[in-house]
N, C-alpha and C. Protein backbone atom coordinates (compact mmCIF):
# COMPACT_ATOMS: atom_id res chain seq x y z
N UNK A 1 0.83 -1.18 0.00
CA UNK A 1 0.00 0.00 0.00
C UNK A 1 0.88 1.24 0.00
N UNK A 2 0.42 2.24 -0.71
CA UNK A 2 1.15 3.50 -0.78
C UNK A 2 1.09 4.22 0.57
N UNK A 3 2.23 4.65 1.05
CA UNK A 3 2.27 5.36 2.32
C UNK A 3 2.80 6.76 2.10
N UNK A 4 2.47 7.65 3.01
CA UNK A 4 2.97 9.00 2.92
C UNK A 4 2.19 9.90 2.00
N UNK A 5 1.07 9.42 1.49
CA UNK A 5 0.24 10.24 0.60
C UNK A 5 -1.08 10.54 1.24
N UNK A 6 -1.87 11.33 0.53
CA UNK A 6 -3.19 11.66 1.04
C UNK A 6 -4.19 11.81 -0.10
N UNK A 7 -5.43 11.51 0.22
CA UNK A 7 -6.52 11.66 -0.72
C UNK A 7 -6.88 13.13 -0.81
N UNK A 8 -7.09 13.62 -2.03
CA UNK A 8 -7.48 15.02 -2.24
C UNK A 8 -8.66 15.07 -3.19
N UNK A 9 -9.48 16.09 -3.03
CA UNK A 9 -10.57 16.34 -3.96
C UNK A 9 -10.01 17.20 -5.08
N UNK A 10 -10.18 16.74 -6.31
CA UNK A 10 -9.63 17.47 -7.45
C UNK A 10 -10.39 18.76 -7.67
N UNK A 11 -9.63 19.80 -7.97
CA UNK A 11 -10.17 21.13 -8.23
C UNK A 11 -9.55 21.66 -9.52
N UNK A 12 -10.14 22.71 -10.08
CA UNK A 12 -9.59 23.27 -11.34
C UNK A 12 -8.10 23.62 -11.26
N UNK A 13 -7.60 23.96 -10.09
CA UNK A 13 -6.17 24.28 -9.99
C UNK A 13 -5.27 23.06 -10.19
N UNK A 14 -5.86 21.86 -10.20
CA UNK A 14 -5.10 20.64 -10.49
C UNK A 14 -5.01 20.36 -11.99
N UNK A 15 -5.66 21.17 -12.81
CA UNK A 15 -5.80 20.88 -14.24
C UNK A 15 -4.47 20.63 -14.94
N UNK A 16 -3.48 21.47 -14.75
CA UNK A 16 -2.22 21.28 -15.48
C UNK A 16 -1.55 19.97 -15.10
N UNK A 17 -1.60 19.60 -13.84
CA UNK A 17 -1.00 18.33 -13.41
C UNK A 17 -1.84 17.15 -13.90
N UNK A 18 -3.17 17.28 -13.90
CA UNK A 18 -4.02 16.23 -14.45
C UNK A 18 -3.67 15.98 -15.91
N UNK A 19 -3.51 17.06 -16.67
CA UNK A 19 -3.18 16.92 -18.08
C UNK A 19 -1.82 16.26 -18.27
N UNK A 20 -0.87 16.59 -17.43
CA UNK A 20 0.45 15.98 -17.52
C UNK A 20 0.38 14.47 -17.28
N UNK A 21 -0.31 14.08 -16.22
CA UNK A 21 -0.46 12.64 -15.92
C UNK A 21 -1.23 11.95 -17.04
N UNK A 22 -2.29 12.58 -17.52
CA UNK A 22 -3.12 12.03 -18.59
C UNK A 22 -2.29 11.78 -19.85
N UNK A 23 -1.54 12.77 -20.28
CA UNK A 23 -0.73 12.65 -21.50
C UNK A 23 0.35 11.58 -21.38
N UNK A 24 0.88 11.43 -20.18
CA UNK A 24 1.93 10.43 -19.98
C UNK A 24 1.37 9.03 -19.79
N UNK A 25 0.07 8.92 -19.57
CA UNK A 25 -0.54 7.64 -19.25
C UNK A 25 -1.32 6.99 -20.38
N UNK A 26 -1.87 7.80 -21.29
CA UNK A 26 -2.79 7.26 -22.29
C UNK A 26 -2.40 7.65 -23.71
N UNK A 27 -2.60 6.72 -24.63
CA UNK A 27 -2.31 6.97 -26.05
C UNK A 27 -3.26 8.02 -26.62
N UNK A 28 -4.48 8.04 -26.13
CA UNK A 28 -5.49 9.01 -26.57
C UNK A 28 -5.95 9.80 -25.35
N UNK A 29 -5.15 10.77 -24.92
CA UNK A 29 -5.50 11.48 -23.68
C UNK A 29 -6.71 12.39 -23.84
N UNK A 30 -7.38 12.60 -22.73
CA UNK A 30 -8.46 13.58 -22.68
C UNK A 30 -7.89 14.96 -22.93
N UNK A 31 -8.74 15.86 -23.40
CA UNK A 31 -8.36 17.26 -23.59
C UNK A 31 -8.72 18.05 -22.33
N UNK A 32 -8.20 19.26 -22.22
CA UNK A 32 -8.51 20.10 -21.07
C UNK A 32 -10.01 20.28 -20.90
N UNK A 33 -10.72 20.46 -22.01
CA UNK A 33 -12.16 20.65 -21.95
C UNK A 33 -12.88 19.47 -21.34
N UNK A 34 -12.36 18.26 -21.54
CA UNK A 34 -12.96 17.07 -20.95
C UNK A 34 -12.89 17.15 -19.42
N UNK A 35 -11.72 17.55 -18.92
CA UNK A 35 -11.57 17.69 -17.47
C UNK A 35 -12.40 18.85 -16.94
N UNK A 36 -12.44 19.96 -17.66
CA UNK A 36 -13.24 21.10 -17.21
C UNK A 36 -14.71 20.72 -17.08
N UNK A 37 -15.19 19.88 -17.99
CA UNK A 37 -16.56 19.38 -17.90
C UNK A 37 -16.76 18.67 -16.56
N UNK A 38 -15.80 17.83 -16.18
CA UNK A 38 -15.92 17.07 -14.94
C UNK A 38 -15.96 17.96 -13.71
N UNK A 39 -15.27 19.10 -13.77
CA UNK A 39 -15.31 20.02 -12.63
C UNK A 39 -16.68 20.65 -12.46
N UNK A 40 -17.46 20.73 -13.54
CA UNK A 40 -18.80 21.28 -13.46
C UNK A 40 -19.89 20.24 -13.30
N UNK A 41 -19.53 18.97 -13.36
CA UNK A 41 -20.47 17.85 -13.30
C UNK A 41 -20.71 17.51 -11.82
N UNK A 42 -21.86 17.89 -11.30
CA UNK A 42 -22.10 17.75 -9.86
C UNK A 42 -22.18 16.31 -9.38
N UNK A 43 -22.53 15.38 -10.26
CA UNK A 43 -22.63 13.98 -9.86
C UNK A 43 -21.28 13.25 -9.92
N UNK A 44 -20.24 13.95 -10.29
CA UNK A 44 -18.93 13.32 -10.48
C UNK A 44 -18.18 13.15 -9.17
N UNK A 45 -17.44 12.08 -9.11
CA UNK A 45 -16.48 11.85 -8.04
C UNK A 45 -15.11 12.16 -8.64
N UNK A 46 -14.40 13.11 -8.06
CA UNK A 46 -13.09 13.56 -8.56
C UNK A 46 -12.09 13.47 -7.43
N UNK A 47 -11.31 12.39 -7.42
CA UNK A 47 -10.35 12.19 -6.34
C UNK A 47 -8.94 12.08 -6.90
N UNK A 48 -8.01 12.54 -6.10
CA UNK A 48 -6.61 12.42 -6.47
C UNK A 48 -5.81 11.89 -5.30
N UNK A 49 -4.58 11.50 -5.59
CA UNK A 49 -3.65 11.07 -4.56
C UNK A 49 -2.44 11.99 -4.65
N UNK A 50 -2.13 12.62 -3.54
CA UNK A 50 -1.02 13.58 -3.52
C UNK A 50 0.05 13.11 -2.55
N UNK A 51 1.28 13.38 -2.92
CA UNK A 51 2.42 13.15 -2.04
C UNK A 51 3.14 14.48 -1.91
N UNK A 52 4.24 14.50 -1.22
CA UNK A 52 4.93 15.74 -0.90
C UNK A 52 5.05 16.76 -2.01
N UNK A 53 5.34 16.31 -3.23
CA UNK A 53 5.54 17.27 -4.32
C UNK A 53 4.28 17.46 -5.17
N UNK A 54 3.13 17.01 -4.71
CA UNK A 54 1.88 17.28 -5.41
C UNK A 54 1.15 16.05 -5.89
N UNK A 55 0.21 16.27 -6.78
CA UNK A 55 -0.68 15.24 -7.30
C UNK A 55 0.10 14.21 -8.11
N UNK A 56 -0.11 12.92 -7.81
CA UNK A 56 0.57 11.86 -8.55
C UNK A 56 -0.40 10.87 -9.20
N UNK A 57 -1.69 10.98 -8.87
CA UNK A 57 -2.68 10.05 -9.43
C UNK A 57 -4.05 10.68 -9.31
N UNK A 58 -4.98 10.18 -10.15
CA UNK A 58 -6.35 10.66 -10.06
C UNK A 58 -7.32 9.58 -10.50
N UNK A 59 -8.57 9.75 -10.06
CA UNK A 59 -9.65 8.86 -10.46
C UNK A 59 -10.91 9.71 -10.64
N UNK A 60 -11.66 9.39 -11.68
CA UNK A 60 -12.91 10.07 -11.98
C UNK A 60 -14.01 9.04 -12.18
N UNK A 61 -15.19 9.38 -11.75
CA UNK A 61 -16.32 8.50 -11.95
C UNK A 61 -17.61 9.20 -11.60
N UNK A 62 -18.72 8.51 -11.81
CA UNK A 62 -20.02 9.10 -11.50
C UNK A 62 -21.00 8.03 -11.08
N UNK A 63 -21.98 8.46 -10.30
CA UNK A 63 -23.01 7.55 -9.80
C UNK A 63 -24.28 7.71 -10.60
N UNK A 64 -24.99 6.61 -10.71
CA UNK A 64 -26.31 6.58 -11.32
C UNK A 64 -27.11 5.50 -10.63
N UNK A 65 -28.15 5.87 -9.94
CA UNK A 65 -28.94 4.94 -9.14
C UNK A 65 -28.03 4.24 -8.13
N UNK A 66 -27.96 2.92 -8.19
CA UNK A 66 -27.13 2.19 -7.24
C UNK A 66 -25.81 1.73 -7.85
N UNK A 67 -25.47 2.30 -8.99
CA UNK A 67 -24.26 1.92 -9.69
C UNK A 67 -23.29 3.09 -9.76
N UNK A 68 -22.01 2.78 -9.70
CA UNK A 68 -20.96 3.78 -9.87
C UNK A 68 -20.13 3.36 -11.07
N UNK A 69 -19.81 4.31 -11.95
CA UNK A 69 -19.01 4.00 -13.13
C UNK A 69 -17.67 4.72 -13.00
N UNK A 70 -16.60 3.96 -12.96
CA UNK A 70 -15.24 4.50 -12.91
C UNK A 70 -14.81 4.79 -14.34
N UNK A 71 -14.59 6.06 -14.66
CA UNK A 71 -14.23 6.42 -16.03
C UNK A 71 -12.73 6.51 -16.25
N UNK A 72 -12.00 6.99 -15.27
CA UNK A 72 -10.55 7.15 -15.42
C UNK A 72 -9.85 6.86 -14.10
N UNK A 73 -8.72 6.20 -14.19
CA UNK A 73 -7.81 6.03 -13.07
C UNK A 73 -6.42 6.02 -13.67
N UNK A 74 -5.57 6.95 -13.23
CA UNK A 74 -4.22 7.04 -13.77
C UNK A 74 -3.24 7.43 -12.69
N UNK A 75 -2.05 6.87 -12.80
CA UNK A 75 -0.95 7.18 -11.90
C UNK A 75 0.22 7.65 -12.74
N UNK A 76 0.88 8.70 -12.30
CA UNK A 76 2.07 9.18 -12.99
C UNK A 76 3.00 7.98 -13.23
N UNK A 77 3.44 7.77 -14.47
CA UNK A 77 4.28 6.60 -14.77
C UNK A 77 5.52 6.47 -13.87
N UNK A 78 6.07 7.56 -13.42
CA UNK A 78 7.24 7.49 -12.54
C UNK A 78 6.89 7.05 -11.13
N UNK A 79 5.61 7.02 -10.79
CA UNK A 79 5.18 6.67 -9.44
C UNK A 79 4.43 5.34 -9.39
N UNK A 80 4.45 4.60 -10.46
CA UNK A 80 3.73 3.32 -10.52
C UNK A 80 4.48 2.22 -9.78
N UNK A 81 3.75 1.12 -9.54
CA UNK A 81 4.28 -0.08 -8.92
C UNK A 81 4.64 0.13 -7.45
N UNK A 82 3.92 1.09 -6.81
CA UNK A 82 4.13 1.36 -5.39
C UNK A 82 2.83 1.26 -4.60
N UNK A 83 1.76 0.78 -5.23
CA UNK A 83 0.50 0.61 -4.54
C UNK A 83 -0.43 1.81 -4.60
N UNK A 84 -0.06 2.84 -5.35
CA UNK A 84 -0.90 4.04 -5.43
C UNK A 84 -2.23 3.73 -6.09
N UNK A 85 -2.21 3.04 -7.22
CA UNK A 85 -3.47 2.71 -7.92
C UNK A 85 -4.37 1.86 -7.04
N UNK A 86 -3.79 0.90 -6.35
CA UNK A 86 -4.54 0.02 -5.46
C UNK A 86 -5.21 0.83 -4.35
N UNK A 87 -4.45 1.70 -3.73
CA UNK A 87 -4.97 2.53 -2.64
C UNK A 87 -6.08 3.45 -3.15
N UNK A 88 -5.83 4.13 -4.26
CA UNK A 88 -6.81 5.06 -4.80
C UNK A 88 -8.08 4.33 -5.23
N UNK A 89 -7.94 3.18 -5.86
CA UNK A 89 -9.11 2.40 -6.28
C UNK A 89 -9.98 2.04 -5.08
N UNK A 90 -9.37 1.59 -4.00
CA UNK A 90 -10.15 1.21 -2.83
C UNK A 90 -10.80 2.41 -2.15
N UNK A 91 -10.15 3.55 -2.17
CA UNK A 91 -10.77 4.76 -1.62
C UNK A 91 -11.97 5.17 -2.47
N UNK A 92 -11.84 5.06 -3.78
CA UNK A 92 -12.95 5.40 -4.68
C UNK A 92 -14.13 4.46 -4.42
N UNK A 93 -13.87 3.17 -4.32
CA UNK A 93 -14.94 2.21 -4.07
C UNK A 93 -15.63 2.49 -2.73
N UNK A 94 -14.85 2.85 -1.73
CA UNK A 94 -15.42 3.17 -0.42
C UNK A 94 -16.33 4.40 -0.52
N UNK A 95 -15.86 5.42 -1.23
CA UNK A 95 -16.68 6.64 -1.40
C UNK A 95 -17.96 6.33 -2.17
N UNK A 96 -17.84 5.53 -3.21
CA UNK A 96 -19.03 5.17 -4.00
C UNK A 96 -20.04 4.44 -3.12
N UNK A 97 -19.56 3.50 -2.30
CA UNK A 97 -20.45 2.77 -1.40
C UNK A 97 -21.08 3.72 -0.37
N UNK A 98 -20.30 4.66 0.13
CA UNK A 98 -20.82 5.64 1.08
C UNK A 98 -21.95 6.47 0.48
N UNK A 99 -21.95 6.61 -0.85
CA UNK A 99 -22.99 7.39 -1.53
C UNK A 99 -24.09 6.50 -2.11
N UNK A 100 -24.15 5.24 -1.65
CA UNK A 100 -25.27 4.38 -2.00
C UNK A 100 -25.04 3.41 -3.15
N UNK A 101 -23.86 3.42 -3.76
CA UNK A 101 -23.61 2.49 -4.86
C UNK A 101 -23.43 1.07 -4.32
N UNK A 102 -23.98 0.11 -5.04
CA UNK A 102 -23.82 -1.29 -4.66
C UNK A 102 -22.96 -2.05 -5.66
N UNK A 103 -22.64 -1.39 -6.79
CA UNK A 103 -21.73 -2.01 -7.74
C UNK A 103 -20.95 -0.91 -8.46
N UNK A 104 -19.81 -1.30 -9.00
CA UNK A 104 -18.97 -0.40 -9.78
C UNK A 104 -18.69 -1.07 -11.12
N UNK A 105 -18.81 -0.29 -12.19
CA UNK A 105 -18.52 -0.77 -13.53
C UNK A 105 -17.39 0.07 -14.13
N UNK A 106 -16.74 -0.49 -15.15
CA UNK A 106 -15.69 0.24 -15.86
C UNK A 106 -15.43 -0.42 -17.19
N UNK A 107 -14.71 0.29 -18.07
CA UNK A 107 -14.19 -0.27 -19.31
C UNK A 107 -12.68 -0.04 -19.29
N UNK A 108 -11.95 -0.99 -19.84
CA UNK A 108 -10.50 -0.89 -19.92
C UNK A 108 -10.05 -1.49 -21.25
N UNK A 109 -8.96 -0.96 -21.79
CA UNK A 109 -8.42 -1.51 -23.03
C UNK A 109 -8.06 -2.98 -22.84
N UNK A 110 -8.41 -3.80 -23.82
CA UNK A 110 -8.08 -5.22 -23.76
C UNK A 110 -6.58 -5.45 -23.70
N UNK A 111 -5.80 -4.53 -24.26
CA UNK A 111 -4.35 -4.67 -24.27
C UNK A 111 -3.68 -4.14 -22.99
N UNK A 112 -4.44 -3.56 -22.09
CA UNK A 112 -3.87 -2.98 -20.88
C UNK A 112 -3.78 -4.05 -19.78
N UNK A 113 -2.80 -4.92 -19.94
CA UNK A 113 -2.64 -6.04 -19.02
C UNK A 113 -2.46 -5.60 -17.57
N UNK A 114 -1.72 -4.53 -17.35
CA UNK A 114 -1.47 -4.06 -15.99
C UNK A 114 -2.77 -3.65 -15.30
N UNK A 115 -3.62 -2.89 -16.00
CA UNK A 115 -4.89 -2.48 -15.43
C UNK A 115 -5.82 -3.67 -15.23
N UNK A 116 -5.86 -4.57 -16.20
CA UNK A 116 -6.70 -5.76 -16.06
C UNK A 116 -6.30 -6.58 -14.84
N UNK A 117 -5.01 -6.71 -14.59
CA UNK A 117 -4.54 -7.44 -13.40
C UNK A 117 -4.95 -6.71 -12.11
N UNK A 118 -4.80 -5.38 -12.10
CA UNK A 118 -5.19 -4.60 -10.92
C UNK A 118 -6.66 -4.80 -10.61
N UNK A 119 -7.52 -4.65 -11.61
CA UNK A 119 -8.96 -4.77 -11.37
C UNK A 119 -9.35 -6.19 -10.97
N UNK A 120 -8.76 -7.18 -11.61
CA UNK A 120 -9.07 -8.57 -11.24
C UNK A 120 -8.62 -8.86 -9.81
N UNK A 121 -7.45 -8.37 -9.44
CA UNK A 121 -6.96 -8.58 -8.07
C UNK A 121 -7.87 -7.91 -7.05
N UNK A 122 -8.48 -6.79 -7.44
CA UNK A 122 -9.40 -6.08 -6.54
C UNK A 122 -10.76 -6.74 -6.46
N UNK A 123 -11.03 -7.72 -7.33
CA UNK A 123 -12.30 -8.44 -7.27
C UNK A 123 -13.25 -8.16 -8.42
N UNK A 124 -12.84 -7.33 -9.37
CA UNK A 124 -13.68 -7.08 -10.54
C UNK A 124 -13.72 -8.35 -11.39
N UNK A 125 -14.87 -8.56 -12.03
CA UNK A 125 -14.99 -9.68 -12.96
C UNK A 125 -15.35 -9.13 -14.33
N UNK A 126 -14.89 -9.80 -15.35
CA UNK A 126 -15.18 -9.38 -16.71
C UNK A 126 -16.63 -9.70 -17.03
N UNK A 127 -17.35 -8.70 -17.57
CA UNK A 127 -18.76 -8.90 -17.89
C UNK A 127 -19.03 -8.81 -19.39
N UNK A 128 -18.04 -8.39 -20.16
CA UNK A 128 -18.24 -8.30 -21.60
C UNK A 128 -17.03 -7.73 -22.31
N UNK A 129 -17.18 -7.65 -23.61
CA UNK A 129 -16.12 -7.11 -24.45
C UNK A 129 -16.78 -6.28 -25.54
N UNK A 130 -16.27 -5.08 -25.77
CA UNK A 130 -16.81 -4.17 -26.78
C UNK A 130 -15.81 -4.07 -27.92
N UNK A 131 -16.14 -4.73 -29.02
CA UNK A 131 -15.25 -4.75 -30.18
C UNK A 131 -15.06 -3.33 -30.71
N UNK A 132 -13.80 -2.95 -30.90
CA UNK A 132 -13.47 -1.66 -31.47
C UNK A 132 -13.84 -0.46 -30.62
N UNK A 133 -13.99 -0.63 -29.32
CA UNK A 133 -14.41 0.45 -28.42
C UNK A 133 -13.43 1.62 -28.44
N UNK A 134 -12.15 1.31 -28.50
CA UNK A 134 -11.11 2.35 -28.52
C UNK A 134 -10.62 2.54 -29.96
N UNK A 135 -10.32 3.80 -30.30
CA UNK A 135 -9.94 4.11 -31.67
C UNK A 135 -8.44 4.34 -31.88
N UNK A 136 -7.76 4.99 -30.97
CA UNK A 136 -6.40 5.43 -31.23
C UNK A 136 -5.48 5.06 -30.08
N UNK A 137 -4.78 3.94 -30.16
CA UNK A 137 -4.81 2.93 -31.22
C UNK A 137 -6.04 2.04 -31.07
N UNK A 138 -6.42 1.38 -32.16
CA UNK A 138 -7.61 0.51 -32.12
C UNK A 138 -7.45 -0.61 -31.09
N UNK A 139 -8.51 -0.83 -30.33
CA UNK A 139 -8.49 -1.89 -29.33
C UNK A 139 -9.92 -2.15 -28.88
N UNK A 140 -10.15 -3.35 -28.39
CA UNK A 140 -11.44 -3.68 -27.79
C UNK A 140 -11.48 -3.13 -26.38
N UNK A 141 -12.67 -2.92 -25.88
CA UNK A 141 -12.87 -2.55 -24.49
C UNK A 141 -13.38 -3.74 -23.72
N UNK A 142 -12.82 -3.95 -22.55
CA UNK A 142 -13.26 -5.01 -21.65
C UNK A 142 -14.12 -4.35 -20.58
N UNK A 143 -15.35 -4.79 -20.42
CA UNK A 143 -16.21 -4.26 -19.37
C UNK A 143 -16.06 -5.14 -18.14
N UNK A 144 -16.01 -4.48 -16.98
CA UNK A 144 -15.80 -5.18 -15.73
C UNK A 144 -16.74 -4.62 -14.68
N UNK A 145 -16.96 -5.43 -13.65
CA UNK A 145 -17.91 -5.03 -12.60
C UNK A 145 -17.50 -5.67 -11.28
N UNK A 146 -17.83 -4.97 -10.20
CA UNK A 146 -17.63 -5.51 -8.85
C UNK A 146 -18.80 -5.07 -7.99
N UNK A 147 -19.25 -5.94 -7.11
CA UNK A 147 -20.25 -5.56 -6.12
C UNK A 147 -19.54 -4.87 -4.97
N UNK A 148 -20.09 -3.74 -4.53
CA UNK A 148 -19.52 -3.02 -3.39
C UNK A 148 -20.62 -2.81 -2.37
N UNK A 149 -20.50 -3.46 -1.27
CA UNK A 149 -21.53 -3.37 -0.23
C UNK A 149 -20.98 -2.80 1.04
């Protein structure tokens, strides 16, 4: 588990660091406008993980009825393999449950073996596959789900 960090609520002043982590983490990164939308989306969960020198990871998602959908989870590539993603994922699931969610869903690239292992280890199960879900580069999306009570 990651030690020495803290959970933070993402705010617009985190935008430049969010963009940096996003660009370093994904082949098709979100644009600034995508993140700005999330800051105005009242149903969104916007959490980050910060250590001494600032934000090193973030997670975004939203609730609908009794379900929570995790849309993004990213850790600065230089800070990976230290338990940050694991810690942040469990904090997100706890927050979702605190707000009435009984399950969490997500999509992940079929080629993202590291993320697939993380989610499977956390208890997510594969519920489907979306052919051609991702465009750049082309890849299928794997849908996953976990019950959170």
